[in-house]
Amino acid sequence: MQPQSRVLAFPPPSPNVSEQYLHAKLSFYTDAWDVAEDLRLQVSEIVVIDTRAESLYQAGHIPGAVSFPHRLMDEASTAALDRDKVYVTYCDGIGCNGSTQGAYKLARLGFRVKELIGGLDFWIRDGHPLAKGDEAGVYPAAWHSQDCGCE
């Protein structure tokens, strides 16, 4: 007797439905490798936003990221942001919803957004550098983390 598959208990959708869903998913999220490459290459179309409290930003953040705690985001505080940029939000990691809160607030205010999968936790796990203090810093152009094979 063949055992019943737990994986197939809910059959997968058609390839077309999967394609549409996965395209949408990639539109909402990005990973540490892609953000690191864009920062390393100084891609100007994105802005990385650390949505955590200022003290956590100072203790360690993604080089090039700006501190903008999600609790401070509103129409007045975002008035100077460039609406032509894509804002990538992050927080501590999968146990924190600060990046979702920030992305939601920015989207609600008319900005294009993506969330960083796994936040700072996955960033560190992937071996990317950190910056400390008040300054955003710059992702080192010569830095090469271990290739995740995601490309």
Protein backbone atom coordinates (compact mmCIF):
# COMPACT_ATOMS: atom_id res chain seq x y z
CA MET A 1 0.00 0.00 0.00
CA GLN A 2 1.39 3.37 -1.08
CA PRO A 3 1.48 5.97 1.73
CA GLN A 4 -0.50 9.16 1.16
CA SER A 5 1.58 12.22 0.38
CA ARG A 6 1.36 15.13 2.77
CA VAL A 7 2.85 17.38 0.08
CA LEU A 8 0.13 16.47 -2.39
CA ALA A 9 -2.75 16.62 0.12
CA PHE A 10 -3.35 20.03 -1.41
CA PRO A 11 -2.53 19.72 -5.12
CA PRO A 12 -0.34 22.44 -6.63
CA PRO A 13 -1.99 25.01 -8.88
CA SER A 14 -1.56 25.05 -12.60
CA PRO A 15 1.80 26.34 -13.90
CA ASN A 16 0.11 29.56 -15.05
CA VAL A 17 -1.39 30.24 -11.60
CA SER A 18 1.96 29.42 -9.96
CA GLU A 19 3.77 31.78 -12.32
CA GLN A 20 1.40 34.64 -11.51
CA TYR A 21 1.62 34.05 -7.76
CA LEU A 22 5.41 33.74 -7.72
CA HIS A 23 5.83 36.83 -9.88
CA ALA A 24 3.68 38.74 -7.40
CA LYS A 25 5.68 37.34 -4.48
CA LEU A 26 8.96 38.48 -6.04
CA SER A 27 7.41 41.92 -6.51
CA PHE A 28 6.81 42.22 -2.76
CA TYR A 29 10.04 40.75 -1.38
CA THR A 30 13.78 40.81 -1.94
CA ASP A 31 16.63 38.94 -0.29
CA ALA A 32 19.90 39.92 1.35
CA TRP A 33 22.02 38.91 -1.64
CA ASP A 34 20.08 41.11 -4.08
CA VAL A 35 20.11 44.09 -1.71
CA ALA A 36 23.84 43.64 -1.07
CA GLU A 37 24.59 43.53 -4.79
CA ASP A 38 22.55 46.69 -5.43
CA LEU A 39 24.29 48.47 -2.56
CA ARG A 40 27.72 47.25 -3.65
CA LEU A 41 27.06 48.48 -7.19
CA GLN A 42 25.55 51.73 -5.86
CA VAL A 43 22.22 51.25 -7.64
CA SER A 44 20.53 54.60 -7.11
CA GLU A 45 16.94 53.50 -7.68
CA ILE A 46 16.61 51.86 -4.25
CA VAL A 47 16.74 53.19 -0.70
CA VAL A 48 17.15 50.73 2.15
CA ILE A 49 15.25 51.70 5.30
CA ASP A 50 15.91 50.35 8.77
CA THR A 51 12.48 50.51 10.43
CA ARG A 52 13.75 49.68 13.94
CA ALA A 53 14.31 52.07 16.83
CA GLU A 54 17.21 54.50 16.42
CA SER A 55 19.22 52.81 19.21
CA LEU A 56 19.10 49.47 17.37
CA TYR A 57 20.17 51.17 14.13
CA GLN A 58 23.17 52.70 15.92
CA ALA A 59 24.18 49.30 17.33
CA GLY A 60 24.39 47.79 13.84
CA HIS A 61 22.67 48.25 10.49
CA ILE A 62 22.99 47.46 6.80
CA PRO A 63 25.67 49.73 5.30
CA GLY A 64 23.89 52.37 3.25
CA ALA A 65 20.57 51.98 5.07
CA VAL A 66 18.88 55.02 6.55
CA SER A 67 17.18 54.97 9.91
CA PHE A 68 13.47 55.63 9.69
CA PRO A 69 11.57 53.91 12.50
CA HIS A 70 8.15 52.78 11.26
CA ARG A 71 6.46 54.43 14.25
CA LEU A 72 7.56 57.83 12.92
CA MET A 73 6.27 57.35 9.37
CA ASP A 74 3.43 59.61 8.37
CA GLU A 75 2.58 62.11 5.65
CA ALA A 76 4.71 64.87 7.17
CA SER A 77 7.79 62.74 7.91
CA THR A 78 7.80 61.23 4.40
CA ALA A 79 7.19 64.48 2.52
CA ALA A 80 10.84 64.79 1.43
CA LEU A 81 11.15 61.19 0.19
CA ASP A 82 11.66 60.69 -3.54
CA ARG A 83 8.61 59.01 -5.05
CA ASP A 84 10.70 57.69 -7.95
CA LYS A 85 12.72 55.41 -5.63
CA VAL A 86 11.87 51.92 -4.41
CA TYR A 87 12.09 51.65 -0.63
CA VAL A 88 13.33 48.36 0.82
CA THR A 89 12.32 48.02 4.45
CA TYR A 90 13.84 45.74 7.06
CA CYS A 91 13.78 45.07 10.79
CA ASP A 92 15.36 42.43 13.06
CA GLY A 93 14.04 39.40 11.23
CA ILE A 94 11.19 36.98 10.85
CA GLY A 95 9.99 37.49 14.43
CA CYS A 96 9.57 41.23 13.89
CA ASN A 97 6.95 42.98 11.79
CA GLY A 98 8.59 46.41 11.72
CA SER A 99 9.51 46.01 8.07
CA THR A 100 5.91 45.09 7.23
CA GLN A 101 4.60 48.03 9.25
CA GLY A 102 7.02 50.39 7.50
CA ALA A 103 6.31 49.00 4.03
CA TYR A 104 2.58 49.23 4.67
CA LYS A 105 2.77 52.85 5.83
CA LEU A 106 4.96 53.86 2.90
CA ALA A 107 2.72 52.06 0.39
CA ARG A 108 -0.36 53.65 1.92
CA LEU A 109 1.33 57.02 1.40
CA GLY A 110 1.99 56.27 -2.27
CA PHE A 111 5.55 54.92 -2.26
CA ARG A 112 6.80 51.79 -4.03
CA VAL A 113 8.13 49.28 -1.50
CA LYS A 114 9.65 45.85 -0.99
CA GLU A 115 10.48 43.97 2.18
CA LEU A 116 13.83 42.34 2.90
CA ILE A 117 13.23 38.64 3.63
CA GLY A 118 14.55 37.71 7.08
CA GLY A 119 15.66 41.23 7.92
CA LEU A 120 18.93 41.91 9.66
CA ASP A 121 19.06 38.33 10.96
CA PHE A 122 19.30 36.82 7.47
CA TRP A 123 21.63 39.65 6.40
CA ILE A 124 24.09 38.66 9.13
CA ARG A 125 23.62 34.92 8.51
CA ASP A 126 24.55 35.47 4.86
CA GLY A 127 27.84 37.08 5.94
CA HIS A 128 27.18 40.66 4.88
CA PRO A 129 28.91 43.53 6.72
CA LEU A 130 27.35 45.85 9.28
CA ALA A 131 27.75 49.57 9.85
CA LYS A 132 27.47 51.13 13.30
CA GLY A 133 26.60 54.54 14.61
CA ASP A 134 24.44 57.36 13.27
CA GLU A 135 25.86 57.41 9.75
CA ALA A 136 24.38 55.22 7.03
CA GLY A 137 27.81 54.18 5.80
CA VAL A 138 28.50 52.64 2.41
CA TYR A 139 28.48 48.99 1.40
CA PRO A 140 32.13 48.13 0.65
CA ALA A 141 32.57 47.82 -3.12
CA ALA A 142 35.23 45.14 -2.66
CA TRP A 143 33.17 43.03 -0.23
CA HIS A 144 32.15 39.64 -1.54
CA SER A 145 29.97 37.49 0.65
CA GLN A 146 29.65 33.80 0.04
CA ASP A 147 27.56 33.34 -3.09
CA CYS A 148 24.19 31.95 -2.05
CA GLY A 149 23.60 30.53 -5.51
CA CYS A 150 20.36 32.49 -5.78
CA GLU A 151 21.37 34.42 -8.85
